[in-house]
C-alpha atoms as a PDB file:
ATOM      1  CA  MET A   1     -13.719  69.728  -7.241  1.00  0.00           C
ATOM      2  CA  LYS A   2      -9.983  69.023  -7.278  1.00  0.00           C
ATOM      3  CA  THR A   3      -8.499  66.705  -9.886  1.00  0.00           C
ATOM      4  CA  SER A   4      -7.702  64.038  -7.275  1.00  0.00           C
ATOM      5  CA  GLY A   5     -11.334  64.185  -6.098  1.00  0.00           C
ATOM      6  CA  ARG A   6     -12.609  63.722  -9.668  1.00  0.00           C
ATOM      7  CA  ILE A   7     -10.275  60.784 -10.230  1.00  0.00           C
ATOM      8  CA  ALA A   8     -11.418  59.133  -6.995  1.00  0.00           C
ATOM      9  CA  THR A   9     -15.076  59.691  -7.937  1.00  0.00           C
ATOM     10  CA  CYS A  10     -14.539  58.241 -11.428  1.00  0.00           C
ATOM     11  CA  MET A  11     -12.710  55.228 -10.018  1.00  0.00           C
ATOM     12  CA  ALA A  12     -15.463  54.583  -7.459  1.00  0.00           C
ATOM     13  CA  LEU A  13     -18.101  54.870 -10.187  1.00  0.00           C
ATOM     14  CA  ALA A  14     -16.135  52.474 -12.420  1.00  0.00           C
ATOM     15  CA  LEU A  15     -15.991  49.920  -9.603  1.00  0.00           C
ATOM     16  CA  VAL A  16     -19.791  49.984  -9.464  1.00  0.00           C
ATOM     17  CA  VAL A  17     -20.711  50.335 -13.155  1.00  0.00           C
ATOM     18  CA  ILE A  18     -18.222  47.987 -14.845  1.00  0.00           C
ATOM     19  CA  PRO A  19     -19.080  44.858 -12.812  1.00  0.00           C
ATOM     20  CA  ALA A  20     -22.807  45.550 -13.257  1.00  0.00           C
ATOM     21  CA  ALA A  21     -22.408  45.949 -17.027  1.00  0.00           C
ATOM     22  CA  TYR A  22     -20.262  42.803 -17.203  1.00  0.00           C
ATOM     23  CA  ALA A  23     -22.893  40.804 -15.296  1.00  0.00           C
ATOM     24  CA  ARG A  24     -25.566  41.850 -17.818  1.00  0.00           C
ATOM     25  CA  THR A  25     -23.468  41.009 -20.881  1.00  0.00           C
ATOM     26  CA  THR A  26     -21.877  37.768 -19.661  1.00  0.00           C
ATOM     27  CA  PRO A  27     -23.878  34.876 -21.109  1.00  0.00           C
ATOM     28  CA  HIS A  28     -23.564  32.688 -17.989  1.00  0.00           C
ATOM     29  CA  ALA A  29     -22.921  33.197 -14.302  1.00  0.00           C
ATOM     30  CA  GLY A  30     -20.145  31.299 -12.574  1.00  0.00           C
ATOM     31  CA  SER A  31     -16.536  31.119 -13.602  1.00  0.00           C
ATOM     32  CA  VAL A  32     -16.443  30.054 -17.241  1.00  0.00           C
ATOM     33  CA  PRO A  33     -12.851  30.392 -18.470  1.00  0.00           C
ATOM     34  CA  PHE A  34     -13.720  30.467 -22.160  1.00  0.00           C
ATOM     35  CA  ASP A  35     -15.864  32.485 -24.547  1.00  0.00           C
ATOM     36  CA  VAL A  36     -19.140  30.591 -25.049  1.00  0.00           C
ATOM     37  CA  ASN A  37     -19.628  32.515 -28.308  1.00  0.00           C
ATOM     38  CA  ASN A  38     -16.421  31.050 -29.791  1.00  0.00           C
ATOM     39  CA  PRO A  39     -17.310  28.905 -32.850  1.00  0.00           C
ATOM     40  CA  GLN A  40     -15.119  26.009 -31.632  1.00  0.00           C
ATOM     41  CA  ILE A  41     -16.823  26.024 -28.223  1.00  0.00           C
ATOM     42  CA  GLN A  42     -20.229  26.153 -29.931  1.00  0.00           C
ATOM     43  CA  ALA A  43     -19.302  23.200 -32.192  1.00  0.00           C
ATOM     44  CA  GLU A  44     -18.234  21.100 -29.190  1.00  0.00           C
ATOM     45  CA  ALA A  45     -21.420  22.036 -27.304  1.00  0.00           C
ATOM     46  CA  ARG A  46     -23.616  21.124 -30.324  1.00  0.00           C
ATOM     47  CA  LYS A  47     -21.850  17.765 -30.629  1.00  0.00           C
ATOM     48  CA  LEU A  48     -22.438  17.009 -26.939  1.00  0.00           C
ATOM     49  CA  ALA A  49     -26.070  18.188 -27.141  1.00  0.00           C
ATOM     50  CA  LYS A  50     -26.733  15.521 -29.797  1.00  0.00           C
ATOM     51  CA  GLU A  51     -25.586  12.760 -27.415  1.00  0.00           C
ATOM     52  CA  PRO A  52     -28.297  11.023 -25.372  1.00  0.00           C
ATOM     53  CA  ALA A  53     -28.812  12.451 -21.890  1.00  0.00           C
ATOM     54  CA  ILE A  54     -27.441  10.568 -18.893  1.00  0.00           C
ATOM     55  CA  SER A  55     -29.928   9.237 -16.320  1.00  0.00           C
ATOM     56  CA  PRO A  56     -29.376   9.679 -12.568  1.00  0.00           C
ATOM     57  CA  LEU A  57     -27.308   7.140 -10.630  1.00  0.00           C
ATOM     58  CA  ARG A  58     -28.985   4.915  -8.072  1.00  0.00           C
ATOM     59  CA  GLY A  59     -27.746   4.764  -4.496  1.00  0.00           C
ATOM     60  CA  HIS A  60     -24.998   6.721  -2.768  1.00  0.00           C
ATOM     61  CA  ARG A  61     -22.158   6.172  -5.251  1.00  0.00           C
ATOM     62  CA  ILE A  62     -20.279   9.190  -6.551  1.00  0.00           C
ATOM     63  CA  VAL A  63     -19.100   8.598 -10.117  1.00  0.00           C
ATOM     64  CA  GLU A  64     -17.752  11.709 -11.795  1.00  0.00           C
ATOM     65  CA  ASP A  65     -18.729  12.258 -15.421  1.00  0.00           C
ATOM     66  CA  HIS A  66     -16.316  14.628 -17.175  1.00  0.00           C
ATOM     67  CA  SER A  67     -17.994  14.263 -20.604  1.00  0.00           C
ATOM     68  CA  GLY A  68     -20.104  17.453 -20.519  1.00  0.00           C
ATOM     69  CA  ARG A  69     -23.251  15.575 -21.629  1.00  0.00           C
ATOM     70  CA  ARG A  70     -26.736  16.565 -20.471  1.00  0.00           C
ATOM     71  CA  GLN A  71     -28.277  14.773 -17.511  1.00  0.00           C
ATOM     72  CA  THR A  72     -31.955  14.136 -16.910  1.00  0.00           C
ATOM     73  CA  GLY A  73     -33.725  13.453 -13.655  1.00  0.00           C
ATOM     74  CA  LYS A  74     -35.338  15.394 -10.868  1.00  0.00           C
ATOM     75  CA  ALA A  75     -34.204  18.412  -8.916  1.00  0.00           C
ATOM     76  CA  SER A  76     -34.892  18.806  -5.231  1.00  0.00           C
ATOM     77  CA  VAL A  77     -34.185  21.587  -2.748  1.00  0.00           C
ATOM     78  CA  TYR A  78     -31.580  21.494   0.024  1.00  0.00           C
ATOM     79  CA  SER A  79     -33.071  21.278   3.497  1.00  0.00           C
ATOM     80  CA  PRO A  80     -32.732  24.504   5.541  1.00  0.00           C
ATOM     81  CA  GLU A  81     -30.746  22.499   8.120  1.00  0.00           C
ATOM     82  CA  PHE A  82     -27.726  22.571   5.767  1.00  0.00           C
ATOM     83  CA  GLN A  83     -27.355  26.363   6.108  1.00  0.00           C
ATOM     84  CA  GLY A  84     -23.785  27.130   7.196  1.00  0.00           C
ATOM     85  CA  ARG A  85     -22.536  23.538   6.988  1.00  0.00           C
ATOM     86  CA  ARG A  86     -19.429  22.726   4.984  1.00  0.00           C
ATOM     87  CA  MET A  87     -19.972  21.355   1.488  1.00  0.00           C
ATOM     88  CA  ALA A  88     -17.709  18.877  -0.312  1.00  0.00           C
ATOM     89  CA  ASP A  89     -15.604  21.728  -1.762  1.00  0.00           C
ATOM     90  CA  GLY A  90     -14.969  23.109   1.745  1.00  0.00           C
ATOM     91  CA  LYS A  91     -17.152  26.217   1.395  1.00  0.00           C
ATOM     92  CA  ARG A  92     -20.041  26.894   3.752  1.00  0.00           C
ATOM     93  CA  PHE A  93     -23.513  26.267   2.334  1.00  0.00           C
ATOM     94  CA  ASN A  94     -25.646  29.358   1.706  1.00  0.00           C
ATOM     95  CA  ASN A  95     -29.298  28.821   0.752  1.00  0.00           C
ATOM     96  CA  ALA A  96     -29.308  32.247  -0.930  1.00  0.00           C
ATOM     97  CA  GLY A  97     -26.462  31.270  -3.290  1.00  0.00           C
ATOM     98  CA  GLN A  98     -26.234  29.382  -6.582  1.00  0.00           C
ATOM     99  CA  ALA A  99     -24.595  26.168  -5.292  1.00  0.00           C
ATOM    100  CA  ALA A 100     -25.766  22.717  -6.326  1.00  0.00           C
ATOM    101  CA  ALA A 101     -25.057  19.106  -5.383  1.00  0.00           C
ATOM    102  CA  SER A 102     -24.465  16.325  -7.910  1.00  0.00           C
ATOM    103  CA  LYS A 103     -23.296  12.703  -7.653  1.00  0.00           C
ATOM    104  CA  THR A 104     -21.904  12.748 -11.193  1.00  0.00           C
ATOM    105  CA  LEU A 105     -20.708  16.251 -12.093  1.00  0.00           C
ATOM    106  CA  PRO A 106     -17.235  17.132 -10.775  1.00  0.00           C
ATOM    107  CA  LEU A 107     -16.957  19.827  -8.124  1.00  0.00           C
ATOM    108  CA  GLY A 108     -16.542  23.229  -9.790  1.00  0.00           C
ATOM    109  CA  THR A 109     -18.758  22.377 -12.774  1.00  0.00           C
ATOM    110  CA  VAL A 110     -20.861  25.317 -13.965  1.00  0.00           C
ATOM    111  CA  ALA A 111     -24.194  24.084 -15.368  1.00  0.00           C
ATOM    112  CA  LYS A 112     -27.617  25.198 -16.599  1.00  0.00           C
ATOM    113  CA  VAL A 113     -30.546  23.609 -14.796  1.00  0.00           C
ATOM    114  CA  THR A 114     -33.805  23.743 -16.769  1.00  0.00           C
ATOM    115  CA  ASN A 115     -37.158  22.971 -15.156  1.00  0.00           C
ATOM    116  CA  LEU A 116     -38.964  20.870 -17.794  1.00  0.00           C
ATOM    117  CA  SER A 117     -42.370  21.868 -16.383  1.00  0.00           C
ATOM    118  CA  ASN A 118     -41.936  25.547 -17.288  1.00  0.00           C
ATOM    119  CA  ASP A 119     -38.603  25.878 -19.219  1.00  0.00           C
ATOM    120  CA  ARG A 120     -37.178  28.261 -16.590  1.00  0.00           C
ATOM    121  CA  THR A 121     -33.395  28.050 -16.348  1.00  0.00           C
ATOM    122  CA  ALA A 122     -30.758  28.909 -13.740  1.00  0.00           C
ATOM    123  CA  VAL A 123     -26.984  28.642 -13.768  1.00  0.00           C
ATOM    124  CA  VAL A 124     -25.382  26.869 -10.804  1.00  0.00           C
ATOM    125  CA  THR A 125     -21.945  25.770  -9.648  1.00  0.00           C
ATOM    126  CA  VAL A 126     -21.569  22.214  -8.322  1.00  0.00           C
ATOM    127  CA  GLU A 127     -20.047  22.595  -4.871  1.00  0.00           C
ATOM    128  CA  ASP A 128     -21.353  19.475  -3.111  1.00  0.00           C
ATOM    129  CA  HIS A 129     -22.078  15.766  -3.581  1.00  0.00           C
ATOM    130  CA  GLY A 130     -25.630  14.359  -3.579  1.00  0.00           C
ATOM    131  CA  PRO A 131     -28.588  14.099  -3.688  1.00  0.00           C
ATOM    132  CA  TYR A 132     -28.735  10.607  -2.254  1.00  0.00           C
ATOM    133  CA  VAL A 133     -32.317   9.822  -3.261  1.00  0.00           C
ATOM    134  CA  ASP A 134     -32.836   7.585  -6.298  1.00  0.00           C
ATOM    135  CA  GLY A 135     -34.068   9.427  -9.396  1.00  0.00           C
ATOM    136  CA  ARG A 136     -32.705  12.784  -8.264  1.00  0.00           C
ATOM    137  CA  THR A 137     -30.022  14.438 -10.351  1.00  0.00           C
ATOM    138  CA  VAL A 138     -29.353  17.666  -8.487  1.00  0.00           C
ATOM    139  CA  ASP A 139     -30.037  19.433  -5.183  1.00  0.00           C
ATOM    140  CA  LEU A 140     -30.529  23.193  -5.440  1.00  0.00           C
ATOM    141  CA  THR A 141     -30.452  26.103  -3.018  1.00  0.00           C
ATOM    142  CA  ARG A 142     -33.753  27.783  -2.135  1.00  0.00           C
ATOM    143  CA  ALA A 143     -32.765  30.820  -4.245  1.00  0.00           C
ATOM    144  CA  THR A 144     -32.110  28.698  -7.333  1.00  0.00           C
ATOM    145  CA  ALA A 145     -35.255  26.648  -6.746  1.00  0.00           C
ATOM    146  CA  ARG A 146     -37.354  29.836  -6.714  1.00  0.00           C
ATOM    147  CA  GLN A 147     -35.586  31.053  -9.865  1.00  0.00           C
ATOM    148  CA  ILE A 148     -36.644  27.965 -11.841  1.00  0.00           C
ATOM    149  CA  GLY A 149     -40.113  27.791 -10.299  1.00  0.00           C
ATOM    150  CA  ILE A 150     -39.838  25.060  -7.684  1.00  0.00           C
ATOM    151  CA  THR A 151     -42.430  25.877  -5.069  1.00  0.00           C
ATOM    152  CA  SER A 152     -43.131  24.474  -1.614  1.00  0.00           C
ATOM    153  CA  SER A 153     -46.130  22.597  -3.057  1.00  0.00           C
ATOM    154  CA  LYS A 154     -43.953  21.102  -5.804  1.00  0.00           C
ATOM    155  CA  GLY A 155     -40.611  20.397  -4.132  1.00  0.00           C
ATOM    156  CA  VAL A 156     -39.284  18.015  -6.778  1.00  0.00           C
ATOM    157  CA  VAL A 157     -39.427  18.737 -10.527  1.00  0.00           C
ATOM    158  CA  PRO A 158     -38.120  17.079 -13.703  1.00  0.00           C
ATOM    159  CA  VAL A 159     -35.004  18.834 -15.011  1.00  0.00           C
ATOM    160  CA  ILE A 160     -32.213  18.742 -17.532  1.00  0.00           C
ATOM    161  CA  VAL A 161     -28.783  19.637 -16.202  1.00  0.00           C
ATOM    162  CA  ALA A 162     -26.526  20.816 -19.031  1.00  0.00           C
ATOM    163  CA  PRO A 163     -22.896  21.428 -18.024  1.00  0.00           C
ATOM    164  CA  ILE A 164     -21.392  24.661 -19.350  1.00  0.00           C
ATOM    165  CA  ALA A 165     -17.831  24.228 -18.042  1.00  0.00           C
ATOM    166  CA  VAL A 166     -16.545  20.902 -16.668  1.00  0.00           C
ATOM    167  CA  PRO A 167     -13.235  20.601 -14.771  1.00  0.00           C
ATOM    168  CA  GLN A 168     -11.119  17.744 -16.111  1.00  0.00           C
ATOM    169  CA  PRO A 169      -8.766  15.482 -14.123  1.00  0.00           C
ATOM    170  CA  ASP A 170      -5.732  17.092 -15.811  1.00  0.00           C
ATOM    171  CA  GLY A 171      -6.748  20.561 -14.542  1.00  0.00           C
ATOM    172  CA  THR A 172      -8.186  21.872 -17.821  1.00  0.00           C
ATOM    173  CA  ILE A 173     -11.794  23.001 -18.271  1.00  0.00           C
ATOM    174  CA  LYS A 174     -13.927  21.414 -21.006  1.00  0.00           C
ATOM    175  CA  PRO A 175     -17.025  23.034 -22.510  1.00  0.00           C
ATOM    176  CA  GLY A 176     -20.229  21.059 -22.100  1.00  0.00           C
ATOM    177  CA  SER A 177     -23.564  20.850 -23.900  1.00  0.00           C
ATOM    178  CA  GLY A 178     -24.846  23.788 -21.845  1.00  0.00           C
ATOM    179  CA  ALA A 179     -22.346  26.149 -23.490  1.00  0.00           C
ATOM    180  CA  LEU A 180     -24.958  26.699 -26.212  1.00  0.00           C
ATOM    181  CA  PRO A 181     -26.957  29.929 -25.827  1.00  0.00           C
ATOM    182  CA  GLY A 182     -30.539  29.712 -24.568  1.00  0.00           C
ATOM    183  CA  PRO A 183     -32.180  27.069 -22.382  1.00  0.00           C
ATOM    184  CA  SER A 184     -30.853  23.517 -22.230  1.00  0.00           C
ATOM    185  CA  PRO A 185     -31.582  21.552 -25.396  1.00  0.00           C
ATOM    186  CA  HIS A 186     -34.353  19.025 -24.769  1.00  0.00           C
ATOM    187  CA  GLY A 187     -33.781  16.765 -27.758  1.00  0.00           C
ATOM    188  CA  ASN A 188     -32.143  13.366 -27.590  1.00  0.00           C
END
Protein backbone atom coordinates (compact mmCIF):
# COMPACT_ATOMS: atom_id res chain seq x y z
CA MET A 1 0.00 0.00 0.00
CA LYS A 2 1.32 3.46 -0.88
CA THR A 3 2.04 5.98 1.86
CA SER A 4 -0.88 8.20 0.78
CA GLY A 5 -3.19 5.16 0.98
CA ARG A 6 -1.98 4.35 4.51
CA ILE A 7 -2.48 7.95 5.61
CA ALA A 8 -6.01 8.00 4.19
CA THR A 9 -6.81 4.68 5.90
CA CYS A 10 -5.45 5.92 9.24
CA MET A 11 -7.39 9.17 8.96
CA ALA A 12 -10.62 7.32 8.13
CA LEU A 13 -10.07 4.97 11.07
CA ALA A 14 -9.40 7.94 13.38
CA LEU A 15 -12.67 9.56 12.30
CA VAL A 16 -14.49 6.42 13.43
CA VAL A 17 -12.52 5.43 16.55
CA ILE A 18 -11.89 8.80 18.22
CA PRO A 19 -15.55 9.93 18.39
CA ALA A 20 -16.58 6.48 19.66
CA ALA A 21 -13.91 6.54 22.37
CA TYR A 22 -14.86 10.11 23.33
CA ALA A 23 -18.53 9.13 23.64
CA ARG A 24 -17.62 6.32 26.06
CA THR A 25 -15.37 8.49 28.24
CA THR A 26 -17.47 11.67 28.30
CA PRO A 27 -19.45 11.70 31.54
CA HIS A 28 -22.58 13.25 29.98
CA ALA A 29 -24.12 13.51 26.55
CA GLY A 30 -25.08 16.89 25.15
CA SER A 31 -22.89 19.93 24.86
CA VAL A 32 -21.40 20.59 28.28
CA PRO A 33 -18.76 23.31 27.91
CA PHE A 34 -16.94 22.52 31.14
CA ASP A 35 -15.22 19.59 32.80
CA VAL A 36 -17.71 18.00 35.22
CA ASN A 37 -14.75 16.46 37.08
CA ASN A 38 -13.33 19.91 37.92
CA PRO A 39 -13.35 20.39 41.73
CA GLN A 40 -14.93 23.87 41.42
CA ILE A 41 -17.74 22.50 39.23
CA GLN A 42 -18.25 19.63 41.69
CA ALA A 43 -18.41 22.07 44.64
CA GLU A 44 -21.06 24.18 42.88
CA ALA A 45 -23.06 21.06 41.97
CA ARG A 46 -22.91 19.76 45.58
CA LYS A 47 -24.10 23.14 46.87
CA LEU A 48 -27.05 23.13 44.46
CA ALA A 49 -27.87 19.48 45.26
CA LYS A 50 -28.36 20.46 48.93
CA GLU A 51 -31.04 23.01 47.96
CA PRO A 52 -34.66 21.82 48.06
CA ALA A 53 -36.02 20.61 44.73
CA ILE A 54 -38.38 22.84 42.77
CA SER A 55 -41.94 21.61 42.17
CA PRO A 56 -43.61 21.84 38.74
CA LEU A 57 -45.44 25.01 37.72
CA ARG A 58 -49.20 24.95 37.30
CA GLY A 59 -50.83 26.08 34.07
CA HIS A 60 -49.27 27.21 30.81
CA ARG A 61 -46.83 29.83 32.13
CA ILE A 62 -43.20 29.60 31.08
CA VAL A 63 -40.92 30.88 33.85
CA GLU A 64 -37.26 30.16 33.25
CA ASP A 65 -35.22 29.01 36.23
CA HIS A 66 -31.49 29.60 35.69
CA SER A 67 -30.50 28.41 39.19
CA GLY A 68 -29.45 24.84 38.28
CA ARG A 69 -31.51 23.35 41.14
CA ARG A 70 -33.18 19.94 40.89
CA GLN A 71 -36.83 19.75 39.89
CA THR A 72 -39.33 17.12 40.94
CA GLY A 73 -42.54 16.10 39.24
CA LYS A 74 -43.67 13.69 36.59
CA ALA A 75 -42.31 12.89 33.16
CA SER A 76 -44.55 12.14 30.23
CA VAL A 77 -43.86 11.13 26.64
CA TYR A 78 -44.33 13.34 23.57
CA SER A 79 -47.22 12.28 21.37
CA PRO A 80 -46.15 10.71 18.04
CA GLU A 81 -48.05 13.52 16.27
CA PHE A 82 -45.20 15.92 17.12
CA GLN A 83 -42.74 14.03 14.88
CA GLY A 84 -41.19 16.52 12.43
CA ARG A 85 -42.84 19.61 13.93
CA ARG A 86 -40.73 22.59 14.90
CA MET A 87 -39.82 22.91 18.57
CA ALA A 88 -39.31 26.17 20.48
CA ASP A 89 -35.60 26.23 19.56
CA GLY A 90 -36.46 25.98 15.84
CA LYS A 91 -35.25 22.40 15.34
CA ARG A 92 -37.55 19.68 14.08
CA PHE A 93 -38.76 17.19 16.69
CA ASN A 94 -37.37 13.66 16.40
CA ASN A 95 -38.88 10.98 18.66
CA ALA A 96 -35.64 8.97 18.35
CA GLY A 97 -33.55 11.84 19.78
CA GLN A 98 -32.74 13.08 23.28
CA ALA A 99 -34.84 16.29 23.25
CA ALA A 100 -37.04 17.32 26.16
CA ALA A 101 -39.63 19.99 26.92
CA SER A 102 -39.68 22.05 30.11
CA LYS A 103 -41.66 25.10 31.27
CA THR A 104 -38.89 26.18 33.64
CA LEU A 105 -35.50 25.12 32.26
CA PRO A 106 -34.06 27.46 29.61
CA LEU A 107 -33.73 26.16 26.07
CA GLY A 108 -30.32 24.52 25.62
CA THR A 109 -30.16 23.17 29.18
CA VAL A 110 -28.52 19.75 29.42
CA ALA A 111 -30.07 17.72 32.26
CA LYS A 112 -30.22 14.27 33.86
CA VAL A 113 -33.71 12.82 34.16
CA THR A 114 -33.99 10.06 36.78
CA ASN A 115 -37.02 7.79 36.97
CA LEU A 116 -37.70 7.50 40.73
CA SER A 117 -39.48 4.16 40.24
CA ASN A 118 -36.33 2.38 39.04
CA ASP A 119 -33.40 4.89 39.32
CA ARG A 120 -32.72 4.70 35.56
CA THR A 121 -31.22 7.91 34.20
CA ALA A 122 -30.95 9.59 30.80
CA VAL A 123 -29.33 12.83 29.69
CA VAL A 124 -31.49 15.19 27.62
CA THR A 125 -31.28 18.64 26.08
CA VAL A 126 -34.22 21.02 26.61
CA GLU A 127 -35.29 22.07 23.13
CA ASP A 128 -38.99 22.82 23.66
CA HIS A 129 -41.48 24.37 26.09
CA GLY A 130 -44.08 22.28 27.96
CA PRO A 131 -45.58 20.01 29.16
CA TYR A 132 -48.78 21.92 29.75
CA VAL A 133 -50.39 19.44 32.15
CA ASP A 134 -50.31 20.28 35.86
CA GLY A 135 -47.85 18.18 37.88
CA ARG A 136 -45.68 17.37 34.87
CA THR A 137 -42.10 18.58 34.86
CA VAL A 138 -40.77 17.28 31.56
CA ASP A 139 -41.88 15.74 28.26
CA LEU A 140 -39.49 13.16 26.80
CA THR A 141 -38.98 11.57 23.41
CA ARG A 142 -39.95 7.91 22.98
CA ALA A 143 -36.25 6.94 22.88
CA THR A 144 -35.51 8.67 26.18
CA ALA A 145 -38.68 7.30 27.76
CA ARG A 146 -37.60 3.74 26.88
CA GLN A 147 -34.11 4.45 28.24
CA ILE A 148 -35.46 5.35 31.69
CA GLY A 149 -38.12 2.64 31.70
CA ILE A 150 -41.33 4.46 30.82
CA THR A 151 -43.55 1.90 29.18
CA SER A 152 -46.84 2.17 27.31
CA SER A 153 -48.63 0.79 30.39
CA LYS A 154 -46.97 3.41 32.60
CA GLY A 155 -46.84 6.56 30.48
CA VAL A 156 -46.22 8.99 33.33
CA VAL A 157 -43.60 8.42 36.05
CA PRO A 158 -42.20 10.42 38.99
CA VAL A 159 -38.81 11.93 38.15
CA ILE A 160 -36.07 14.24 39.29
CA VAL A 161 -34.65 16.54 36.64
CA ALA A 162 -31.15 17.67 37.59
CA PRO A 163 -29.63 20.29 35.27
CA ILE A 164 -26.02 19.64 34.26
CA ALA A 165 -25.40 22.81 32.22
CA VAL A 166 -27.79 25.79 32.30
CA PRO A 167 -27.54 28.69 29.81
CA GLN A 168 -27.63 32.05 31.57
CA PRO A 169 -29.18 35.30 30.28
CA ASP A 170 -25.70 36.83 29.85
CA GLY A 171 -24.65 34.01 27.48
CA THR A 172 -22.53 32.05 29.97
CA ILE A 173 -23.23 28.45 30.99
CA LYS A 174 -23.66 27.59 34.68
CA PRO A 175 -23.16 24.11 36.14
CA GLY A 176 -26.21 22.64 37.84
CA SER A 177 -26.86 20.02 40.51
CA GLY A 178 -26.75 17.30 37.85
CA ALA A 179 -23.05 17.96 37.20
CA LEU A 180 -22.31 15.49 40.00
CA PRO A 181 -21.36 11.99 38.79
CA GLY A 182 -23.93 9.21 39.08
CA PRO A 183 -27.73 9.41 39.15
CA SER A 184 -29.52 12.55 40.31
CA PRO A 185 -29.29 13.06 44.06
CA HIS A 186 -32.62 12.26 45.71
CA GLY A 187 -32.07 14.00 49.03
CA ASN A 188 -33.62 17.31 50.00
